[in-house]
Amino acid sequence: MTFPCVVAVRFAQLRTWPSTYEEAAAWVLETVDPEEDVVYLSLPMTLPVRSDAASLEAEEAGFPERGLGWYSYQRKVGESPSAPAYRTRWLPLHDPDLRRRARKEFVHSLGGGYCINEVFTGRSVDPQVEDVRIGLQQEGKLLVRFAPDLSPIASLPLDYQEVADALVPNRAPRLLRARALGPYLEVFRLPEPRANPAESR
């Protein structure tokens, strides 16, 4: 019974530490100029930072009557004038015109700023989602990774439920070596848009 108890205690300890989502939010607060840069997020991620009114309106227009994380929380609690408001946007994967673009052209069409991309692993991953990640790696500048494992051997989340269709390492040893709970996140600096989008093909 000793080993299960040790794992349970470790899991409880990890739950008291900042998750990878919270680490990414802290990075935004320390790094991003809210007046200058847009922060793109992969769907359906939301981060515990204050988003500006235009960001909330865009979320509501794209996904009406769907409560998603911190966007919903912020709408309920109202404005917080003391906190900076960031321009957060979801990657426009629901836009059919943008979805048809080549991966490099899609990344350049975002117009600069930052992207915090949640890495998904498994057979159920939409090929378009993987295309976006490849495009970000090719055209963007990787600034930082937030991984649940001290020495990541795979881009897998570590949380209450894990992907069922990917090869997941044994959970107990992984918890004992983990540094945080949450998904595997990659933060990119996006390139400025090209003058001729056709050049990015």
Protein backbone atom coordinates (compact mmCIF):
# COMPACT_ATOMS: atom_id res chain seq x y z
CA MET A 1 0.00 0.00 0.00
CA THR A 2 2.96 2.32 0.41
CA PHE A 3 3.51 3.00 -3.30
CA PRO A 4 -0.13 3.95 -4.07
CA CYS A 5 -0.09 6.31 -1.09
CA VAL A 6 3.11 7.97 -2.30
CA VAL A 7 1.60 8.45 -5.76
CA ALA A 8 -1.63 9.87 -4.29
CA VAL A 9 0.31 12.34 -2.15
CA ARG A 10 2.37 13.40 -5.15
CA PHE A 11 -0.75 13.92 -7.25
CA ALA A 12 -2.29 16.05 -4.50
CA GLN A 13 0.92 18.07 -4.31
CA LEU A 14 0.95 18.65 -8.06
CA ARG A 15 -2.61 19.96 -7.89
CA THR A 16 -1.45 22.74 -5.56
CA TRP A 17 1.28 23.87 -7.96
CA PRO A 18 0.74 26.08 -11.03
CA SER A 19 -0.51 24.11 -14.02
CA THR A 20 1.02 24.55 -17.45
CA TYR A 21 -1.95 26.80 -18.29
CA GLU A 22 -1.10 29.02 -15.32
CA GLU A 23 2.57 29.04 -16.28
CA ALA A 24 1.63 30.19 -19.78
CA ALA A 25 -0.59 32.90 -18.31
CA ALA A 26 2.27 34.11 -16.10
CA TRP A 27 4.49 34.22 -19.19
CA VAL A 28 1.91 36.38 -20.98
CA LEU A 29 1.75 38.79 -18.05
CA GLU A 30 5.54 39.11 -17.94
CA THR A 31 6.27 39.21 -21.67
CA VAL A 32 3.42 40.44 -23.84
CA ASP A 33 2.62 44.11 -24.39
CA PRO A 34 -1.19 44.25 -24.21
CA GLU A 35 -1.24 47.39 -26.35
CA GLU A 36 0.85 45.96 -29.17
CA ASP A 37 0.45 42.21 -29.60
CA VAL A 38 -2.29 39.69 -30.18
CA VAL A 39 -2.02 36.34 -28.39
CA TYR A 40 -3.52 33.50 -30.43
CA LEU A 41 -4.66 30.42 -28.56
CA SER A 42 -5.44 26.98 -29.90
CA LEU A 43 -9.06 25.97 -29.50
CA PRO A 44 -10.62 25.64 -26.96
CA MET A 45 -7.88 26.96 -24.66
CA THR A 46 -8.46 29.92 -22.38
CA LEU A 47 -5.86 31.35 -20.02
CA PRO A 48 -6.34 33.04 -16.63
CA VAL A 49 -5.55 36.52 -17.94
CA ARG A 50 -7.92 39.40 -18.50
CA SER A 51 -9.05 39.63 -22.13
CA ASP A 52 -10.22 42.86 -23.70
CA ALA A 53 -13.81 43.50 -24.78
CA ALA A 54 -13.09 42.72 -28.44
CA SER A 55 -11.72 39.31 -27.46
CA LEU A 56 -14.85 38.50 -25.48
CA GLU A 57 -17.05 39.66 -28.35
CA ALA A 58 -15.12 37.49 -30.81
CA GLU A 59 -15.53 34.46 -28.55
CA GLU A 60 -19.25 35.09 -28.20
CA ALA A 61 -19.69 35.55 -31.96
CA GLY A 62 -17.77 32.42 -32.81
CA PHE A 63 -19.24 30.19 -30.12
CA PRO A 64 -22.55 31.60 -28.88
CA GLU A 65 -24.05 30.07 -25.74
CA ARG A 66 -20.96 27.98 -25.11
CA GLY A 67 -19.22 28.57 -21.81
CA LEU A 68 -15.47 28.20 -22.15
CA GLY A 69 -13.14 28.70 -19.22
CA TRP A 70 -11.86 32.13 -18.36
CA TYR A 71 -13.86 33.92 -21.04
CA SER A 72 -17.07 32.85 -19.31
CA TYR A 73 -15.64 33.63 -15.88
CA GLN A 74 -14.61 37.12 -16.92
CA ARG A 75 -18.04 37.88 -18.38
CA LYS A 76 -19.66 36.83 -15.11
CA VAL A 77 -17.42 38.76 -12.72
CA GLY A 78 -17.19 41.88 -14.90
CA GLU A 79 -14.31 44.22 -15.58
CA SER A 80 -11.18 44.55 -13.47
CA PRO A 81 -9.73 47.98 -14.24
CA SER A 82 -6.56 47.27 -12.26
CA ALA A 83 -5.50 44.39 -14.52
CA PRO A 84 -4.18 44.84 -18.08
CA ALA A 85 -6.52 43.61 -20.82
CA TYR A 86 -4.93 41.40 -23.45
CA ARG A 87 -5.94 40.84 -27.06
CA THR A 88 -6.51 37.09 -27.01
CA ARG A 89 -7.93 35.30 -30.03
CA TRP A 90 -8.48 31.70 -30.94
CA LEU A 91 -6.70 30.43 -34.01
CA PRO A 92 -9.30 30.96 -36.78
CA LEU A 93 -9.64 27.28 -37.67
CA HIS A 94 -13.41 27.69 -37.91
CA ASP A 95 -12.95 30.17 -40.80
CA PRO A 96 -13.37 28.09 -44.00
CA ASP A 97 -11.38 30.57 -46.11
CA LEU A 98 -8.37 30.42 -43.79
CA ARG A 99 -8.65 26.66 -43.35
CA ARG A 100 -8.05 26.14 -47.05
CA ARG A 101 -4.74 28.00 -47.00
CA ALA A 102 -1.39 26.26 -47.04
CA ARG A 103 0.13 25.88 -43.59
CA LYS A 104 2.81 28.55 -44.11
CA GLU A 105 0.33 30.99 -45.60
CA PHE A 106 -2.04 30.40 -42.68
CA VAL A 107 0.66 31.26 -40.13
CA HIS A 108 1.65 34.45 -41.99
CA SER A 109 -2.01 35.46 -42.36
CA LEU A 110 -2.28 35.82 -38.57
CA GLY A 111 -0.35 39.07 -38.83
CA GLY A 112 2.26 38.66 -36.11
CA GLY A 113 2.00 38.54 -32.36
CA TYR A 114 2.24 35.33 -30.36
CA CYS A 115 0.65 31.90 -30.45
CA ILE A 116 0.26 29.52 -27.53
CA ASN A 117 -0.45 26.16 -29.07
CA GLU A 118 -1.62 23.09 -27.20
CA VAL A 119 0.08 20.02 -28.62
CA PHE A 120 -2.17 17.04 -29.19
CA THR A 121 -1.00 13.47 -29.62
CA GLY A 122 -2.99 10.49 -30.79
CA ARG A 123 -4.74 8.99 -33.76
CA SER A 124 -7.78 11.25 -33.35
CA VAL A 125 -5.82 14.44 -34.02
CA ASP A 126 -7.31 16.48 -36.85
CA PRO A 127 -4.74 16.65 -39.69
CA GLN A 128 -5.38 20.38 -39.87
CA VAL A 129 -4.35 20.81 -36.22
CA GLU A 130 -1.11 18.99 -36.94
CA ASP A 131 -0.63 21.15 -40.06
CA VAL A 132 -0.90 24.27 -37.89
CA ARG A 133 1.77 22.97 -35.52
CA ILE A 134 4.10 22.18 -38.41
CA GLY A 135 3.47 25.63 -39.89
CA LEU A 136 4.24 27.28 -36.55
CA GLN A 137 7.47 25.32 -36.23
CA GLN A 138 8.52 26.20 -39.77
CA GLU A 139 7.55 29.88 -39.85
CA GLY A 140 7.38 30.99 -36.22
CA LYS A 141 10.07 31.25 -33.55
CA LEU A 142 9.66 28.83 -30.66
CA LEU A 143 10.18 30.83 -27.47
CA VAL A 144 9.33 28.45 -24.65
CA ARG A 145 7.65 25.16 -23.86
CA PHE A 146 5.54 24.39 -20.82
CA ALA A 147 5.49 20.64 -20.29
CA PRO A 148 4.14 18.59 -17.39
CA ASP A 149 7.23 16.36 -17.39
CA LEU A 150 10.68 17.40 -16.19
CA SER A 151 12.23 15.61 -19.16
CA PRO A 152 9.47 15.33 -21.77
CA ILE A 153 9.64 12.09 -23.73
CA ALA A 154 6.36 12.78 -25.49
CA SER A 155 4.07 15.76 -25.98
CA LEU A 156 1.34 14.33 -23.77
CA PRO A 157 -0.92 16.06 -21.26
CA LEU A 158 -0.94 15.03 -17.62
CA ASP A 159 -4.24 15.65 -15.88
CA TYR A 160 -7.36 13.97 -14.56
CA GLN A 161 -8.08 12.35 -17.92
CA GLU A 162 -5.60 11.59 -20.64
CA VAL A 163 -5.91 10.80 -24.32
CA ALA A 164 -7.06 7.22 -24.74
CA ASP A 165 -5.87 6.60 -28.28
CA ALA A 166 -2.19 7.43 -27.82
CA LEU A 167 0.57 5.40 -26.23
CA VAL A 168 0.58 6.87 -22.71
CA PRO A 169 3.44 6.12 -20.31
CA ASN A 170 2.57 4.44 -17.04
CA ARG A 171 0.79 7.10 -15.00
CA ALA A 172 2.24 6.39 -11.55
CA PRO A 173 5.95 6.73 -12.41
CA ARG A 174 5.11 9.74 -14.56
CA LEU A 175 3.36 11.49 -11.68
CA LEU A 176 6.37 10.92 -9.45
CA ARG A 177 8.65 12.61 -12.02
CA ALA A 178 6.23 15.35 -13.10
CA ARG A 179 6.77 19.05 -12.52
CA ALA A 180 3.17 20.20 -13.20
CA LEU A 181 -0.26 19.14 -14.36
CA GLY A 182 -1.78 20.28 -17.62
CA PRO A 183 -1.17 19.99 -21.36
CA TYR A 184 2.03 20.34 -23.33
CA LEU A 185 2.16 23.93 -24.59
CA GLU A 186 4.44 25.60 -27.13
CA VAL A 187 4.75 29.39 -27.36
CA PHE A 188 5.72 30.91 -30.71
CA ARG A 189 6.55 34.40 -31.88
CA LEU A 190 4.61 34.77 -35.12
CA PRO A 191 6.15 36.22 -38.29
CA GLU A 192 4.94 39.49 -39.68
CA PRO A 193 2.59 39.10 -42.68
CA ARG A 194 4.25 38.88 -46.06
CA ALA A 195 3.56 41.48 -48.71
CA ASN A 196 2.64 38.75 -51.20
CA PRO A 197 0.80 35.84 -49.54
CA ALA A 198 1.46 33.66 -52.59
CA GLU A 199 5.16 33.66 -51.67
CA SER A 200 4.41 31.60 -48.54
CA ARG A 201 3.18 28.58 -50.43
